[in-house]
C-alpha atoms as a PDB file:
ATOM      1  CA  MET A   1       0.000   0.000   0.000  1.00  0.00           C
ATOM      2  CA  SER A   2       1.367   3.410  -0.911  1.00  0.00           C
ATOM      3  CA  GLU A   3       1.908   6.064   1.684  1.00  0.00           C
ATOM      4  CA  THR A   4      -0.859   8.646   2.109  1.00  0.00           C
ATOM      5  CA  LEU A   5      -0.153  12.341   1.908  1.00  0.00           C
ATOM      6  CA  LYS A   6      -0.899  12.711   5.610  1.00  0.00           C
ATOM      7  CA  GLU A   7       1.668  10.005   6.449  1.00  0.00           C
ATOM      8  CA  ARG A   8       4.236  11.751   4.215  1.00  0.00           C
ATOM      9  CA  LEU A   9       3.613  15.006   6.090  1.00  0.00           C
ATOM     10  CA  GLN A  10       3.961  13.302   9.486  1.00  0.00           C
ATOM     11  CA  GLN A  11       7.236  11.711   8.361  1.00  0.00           C
ATOM     12  CA  ALA A  12       8.436  15.096   7.069  1.00  0.00           C
ATOM     13  CA  VAL A  13       7.791  16.610  10.530  1.00  0.00           C
ATOM     14  CA  LYS A  14       9.990  13.915  12.114  1.00  0.00           C
ATOM     15  CA  ASP A  15      12.706  14.350   9.474  1.00  0.00           C
ATOM     16  CA  ALA A  16      12.737  18.134   9.879  1.00  0.00           C
ATOM     17  CA  MET A  17      12.977  17.764  13.660  1.00  0.00           C
ATOM     18  CA  LYS A  18      15.911  15.357  13.377  1.00  0.00           C
ATOM     19  CA  ALA A  19      17.677  17.630  10.872  1.00  0.00           C
ATOM     20  CA  ARG A  20      16.935  20.693  13.035  1.00  0.00           C
ATOM     21  CA  GLU A  21      15.377  22.520  10.064  1.00  0.00           C
ATOM     22  CA  LYS A  22      13.406  25.109  12.017  1.00  0.00           C
ATOM     23  CA  GLU A  23      11.769  26.964   9.081  1.00  0.00           C
ATOM     24  CA  ARG A  24      10.789  23.767   7.258  1.00  0.00           C
ATOM     25  CA  LEU A  25       9.384  22.278  10.461  1.00  0.00           C
ATOM     26  CA  GLY A  26       7.324  25.418  11.056  1.00  0.00           C
ATOM     27  CA  VAL A  27       5.763  25.324   7.583  1.00  0.00           C
ATOM     28  CA  ILE A  28       4.968  21.596   7.777  1.00  0.00           C
ATOM     29  CA  ARG A  29       3.371  22.132  11.191  1.00  0.00           C
ATOM     30  CA  LEU A  30       1.254  24.918   9.652  1.00  0.00           C
ATOM     31  CA  ILE A  31       0.096  22.448   7.006  1.00  0.00           C
ATOM     32  CA  MET A  32      -0.740  19.836   9.639  1.00  0.00           C
ATOM     33  CA  ALA A  33      -2.625  22.446  11.695  1.00  0.00           C
ATOM     34  CA  ALA A  34      -4.673  23.519   8.662  1.00  0.00           C
ATOM     35  CA  ILE A  35      -5.552  19.876   7.935  1.00  0.00           C
ATOM     36  CA  LYS A  36      -6.457  19.199  11.575  1.00  0.00           C
ATOM     37  CA  GLN A  37      -8.568  22.377  11.716  1.00  0.00           C
ATOM     38  CA  ARG A  38     -10.588  21.280   8.708  1.00  0.00           C
ATOM     39  CA  GLU A  39     -10.993  17.765  10.108  1.00  0.00           C
ATOM     40  CA  VAL A  40     -12.269  19.131  13.419  1.00  0.00           C
ATOM     41  CA  ASP A  41     -14.560  21.699  11.770  1.00  0.00           C
ATOM     42  CA  GLU A  42     -16.140  19.173   9.401  1.00  0.00           C
ATOM     43  CA  ARG A  43     -15.844  16.140  11.726  1.00  0.00           C
ATOM     44  CA  ILE A  44     -14.258  14.020   8.999  1.00  0.00           C
ATOM     45  CA  GLU A  45     -10.922  12.406   8.169  1.00  0.00           C
ATOM     46  CA  LEU A  46      -9.454  14.174   5.114  1.00  0.00           C
ATOM     47  CA  ASP A  47      -8.324  12.036   2.193  1.00  0.00           C
ATOM     48  CA  ASP A  48      -5.451  12.939  -0.161  1.00  0.00           C
ATOM     49  CA  THR A  49      -7.703  14.921  -2.520  1.00  0.00           C
ATOM     50  CA  GLN A  50      -9.044  17.054   0.319  1.00  0.00           C
ATOM     51  CA  ILE A  51      -5.535  17.553   1.717  1.00  0.00           C
ATOM     52  CA  LEU A  52      -4.384  18.725  -1.727  1.00  0.00           C
ATOM     53  CA  ALA A  53      -7.214  21.278  -1.664  1.00  0.00           C
ATOM     54  CA  VAL A  54      -5.902  22.545   1.702  1.00  0.00           C
ATOM     55  CA  LEU A  55      -2.369  22.798   0.262  1.00  0.00           C
ATOM     56  CA  GLU A  56      -3.657  24.603  -2.822  1.00  0.00           C
ATOM     57  CA  LYS A  57      -5.498  27.109  -0.631  1.00  0.00           C
ATOM     58  CA  MET A  58      -2.345  27.708   1.437  1.00  0.00           C
ATOM     59  CA  VAL A  59      -0.276  28.339  -1.710  1.00  0.00           C
ATOM     60  CA  LYS A  60      -2.922  30.710  -3.054  1.00  0.00           C
ATOM     61  CA  GLN A  61      -2.959  32.659   0.233  1.00  0.00           C
ATOM     62  CA  ARG A  62       0.806  32.992   0.143  1.00  0.00           C
ATOM     63  CA  ARG A  63       0.812  34.173  -3.492  1.00  0.00           C
ATOM     64  CA  GLU A  64      -1.683  36.876  -2.556  1.00  0.00           C
ATOM     65  CA  SER A  65       0.484  37.826   0.425  1.00  0.00           C
ATOM     66  CA  ILE A  66       3.569  38.057  -1.789  1.00  0.00           C
ATOM     67  CA  SER A  67       1.853  40.509  -4.130  1.00  0.00           C
ATOM     68  CA  GLN A  68       0.707  42.610  -1.159  1.00  0.00           C
ATOM     69  CA  PHE A  69       4.163  42.574   0.433  1.00  0.00           C
ATOM     70  CA  GLU A  70       5.823  43.550  -2.847  1.00  0.00           C
ATOM     71  CA  LEU A  71       3.406  46.458  -3.273  1.00  0.00           C
ATOM     72  CA  ALA A  72       4.273  47.598   0.246  1.00  0.00           C
ATOM     73  CA  GLY A  73       8.013  47.254  -0.419  1.00  0.00           C
ATOM     74  CA  ARG A  74       8.435  44.469   2.157  1.00  0.00           C
ATOM     75  CA  ASP A  75      10.693  42.217   0.094  1.00  0.00           C
ATOM     76  CA  GLU A  76      11.961  40.234   3.120  1.00  0.00           C
ATOM     77  CA  LEU A  77       8.384  39.170   3.956  1.00  0.00           C
ATOM     78  CA  ALA A  78       7.678  38.356   0.300  1.00  0.00           C
ATOM     79  CA  ALA A  79      10.809  36.165   0.256  1.00  0.00           C
ATOM     80  CA  LYS A  80       9.632  34.351   3.420  1.00  0.00           C
ATOM     81  CA  GLU A  81       6.248  33.627   1.816  1.00  0.00           C
ATOM     82  CA  ALA A  82       7.968  32.391  -1.375  1.00  0.00           C
ATOM     83  CA  ALA A  83      10.094  30.023   0.720  1.00  0.00           C
ATOM     84  CA  GLU A  84       6.923  28.681   2.353  1.00  0.00           C
ATOM     85  CA  ILE A  85       5.365  28.088  -1.090  1.00  0.00           C
ATOM     86  CA  THR A  86       8.434  26.050  -2.054  1.00  0.00           C
ATOM     87  CA  ILE A  87       8.050  23.804   1.001  1.00  0.00           C
ATOM     88  CA  ILE A  88       4.271  23.407   0.577  1.00  0.00           C
ATOM     89  CA  SER A  89       4.738  22.606  -3.135  1.00  0.00           C
ATOM     90  CA  GLU A  90       6.919  19.607  -2.244  1.00  0.00           C
ATOM     91  CA  PHE A  91       3.760  17.818  -1.112  1.00  0.00           C
ATOM     92  CA  GLN A  92       1.705  18.671  -4.194  1.00  0.00           C
ATOM     93  CA  PRO A  93       1.688  16.604  -7.387  1.00  0.00           C
ATOM     94  CA  GLU A  94       3.885  17.694 -10.280  1.00  0.00           C
ATOM     95  CA  PRO A  95       2.173  20.606 -12.095  1.00  0.00           C
ATOM     96  CA  LEU A  96       1.058  20.066 -15.671  1.00  0.00           C
ATOM     97  CA  SER A  97       2.773  21.860 -18.540  1.00  0.00           C
ATOM     98  CA  ASP A  98       0.886  24.391 -20.680  1.00  0.00           C
ATOM     99  CA  ALA A  99       0.701  21.852 -23.504  1.00  0.00           C
ATOM    100  CA  GLU A 100      -0.846  19.227 -21.193  1.00  0.00           C
ATOM    101  CA  VAL A 101      -3.385  21.759 -19.891  1.00  0.00           C
ATOM    102  CA  ASP A 102      -4.269  22.821 -23.451  1.00  0.00           C
ATOM    103  CA  ALA A 103      -4.712  19.169 -24.463  1.00  0.00           C
ATOM    104  CA  ALA A 104      -7.009  18.536 -21.481  1.00  0.00           C
ATOM    105  CA  ILE A 105      -9.070  21.633 -22.353  1.00  0.00           C
ATOM    106  CA  GLU A 106      -9.347  20.509 -25.988  1.00  0.00           C
ATOM    107  CA  GLN A 107     -10.479  17.044 -24.914  1.00  0.00           C
ATOM    108  CA  ALA A 108     -13.044  18.501 -22.489  1.00  0.00           C
ATOM    109  CA  LEU A 109     -14.399  20.842 -25.170  1.00  0.00           C
ATOM    110  CA  GLN A 110     -14.855  17.906 -27.542  1.00  0.00           C
ATOM    111  CA  SER A 111     -16.386  15.554 -24.964  1.00  0.00           C
ATOM    112  CA  THR A 112     -18.915  18.155 -23.761  1.00  0.00           C
ATOM    113  CA  GLY A 113     -19.611  19.566 -27.223  1.00  0.00           C
ATOM    114  CA  ALA A 114     -19.115  23.063 -25.807  1.00  0.00           C
ATOM    115  CA  SER A 115     -19.325  25.855 -28.349  1.00  0.00           C
ATOM    116  CA  ALA A 116     -20.418  28.976 -26.450  1.00  0.00           C
ATOM    117  CA  MET A 117     -19.834  30.731 -23.137  1.00  0.00           C
ATOM    118  CA  LYS A 118     -23.011  29.169 -21.707  1.00  0.00           C
ATOM    119  CA  ASP A 119     -21.203  25.784 -21.843  1.00  0.00           C
ATOM    120  CA  MET A 120     -18.331  27.020 -19.662  1.00  0.00           C
ATOM    121  CA  GLY A 121     -19.720  25.325 -16.521  1.00  0.00           C
ATOM    122  CA  LYS A 122     -19.840  21.921 -18.234  1.00  0.00           C
ATOM    123  CA  VAL A 123     -16.234  22.205 -19.375  1.00  0.00           C
ATOM    124  CA  MET A 124     -14.994  23.413 -15.960  1.00  0.00           C
ATOM    125  CA  GLY A 125     -16.902  20.566 -14.293  1.00  0.00           C
ATOM    126  CA  VAL A 126     -15.064  18.011 -16.416  1.00  0.00           C
ATOM    127  CA  LEU A 127     -11.664  19.637 -15.929  1.00  0.00           C
ATOM    128  CA  GLN A 128     -12.044  20.279 -12.185  1.00  0.00           C
ATOM    129  CA  GLY A 129     -11.506  16.621 -11.305  1.00  0.00           C
ATOM    130  CA  GLN A 130      -8.688  16.083 -13.789  1.00  0.00           C
ATOM    131  CA  LEU A 131      -6.618  19.190 -13.131  1.00  0.00           C
ATOM    132  CA  LYS A 132      -7.314  20.041  -9.473  1.00  0.00           C
ATOM    133  CA  GLY A 133      -4.015  20.557  -7.692  1.00  0.00           C
ATOM    134  CA  ARG A 134      -1.999  20.136 -10.862  1.00  0.00           C
ATOM    135  CA  ALA A 135      -2.877  23.378 -12.653  1.00  0.00           C
ATOM    136  CA  ASP A 136      -3.928  26.895 -11.688  1.00  0.00           C
ATOM    137  CA  MET A 137      -7.693  26.722 -12.214  1.00  0.00           C
ATOM    138  CA  SER A 138      -7.985  30.492 -12.751  1.00  0.00           C
ATOM    139  CA  LEU A 139      -5.598  30.208 -15.713  1.00  0.00           C
ATOM    140  CA  VAL A 140      -7.513  27.184 -17.003  1.00  0.00           C
ATOM    141  CA  SER A 141     -10.736  29.198 -16.740  1.00  0.00           C
ATOM    142  CA  ALA A 142      -9.195  32.089 -18.678  1.00  0.00           C
ATOM    143  CA  LYS A 143      -8.016  29.726 -21.429  1.00  0.00           C
ATOM    144  CA  ILE A 144     -11.494  28.197 -21.726  1.00  0.00           C
ATOM    145  CA  LYS A 145     -13.092  31.670 -21.918  1.00  0.00           C
ATOM    146  CA  ALA A 146     -10.675  32.603 -24.697  1.00  0.00           C
ATOM    147  CA  ARG A 147     -11.586  29.446 -26.618  1.00  0.00           C
ATOM    148  CA  LEU A 148     -15.362  29.821 -26.212  1.00  0.00           C
ATOM    149  CA  SER A 149     -15.663  33.545 -26.911  1.00  0.00           C
END
């Protein structure tokens, strides 16, 4: 049986403690806390897909923070957030290339028979499951809009 994402994170906490990697340990503990918070709030045990959604949300929050810090001229804080994104990204699946995303969009357009903007929801519904966690869904959405308009 392959190791779950949660088990990988727990092992990473132990490894970071042994290696005395304070920053890495802090970020992984933040991830674990976010997962635990969601489990407690929803009274469920998160599976890998749900954990990936938590990781994606954390990365998105940090990207927004980076843009705010850069606007405010706080480059040291922006660099700290970027370092956190790097650590969080280690636990996410390999992102898809632009060509792979375009191919998935093309396939979804053909399978749904989408031809106008009103079909956007159908196409996004198909792609959501395939690309979640492996591609920036806002960019995917923009590409679909460009194709359908």
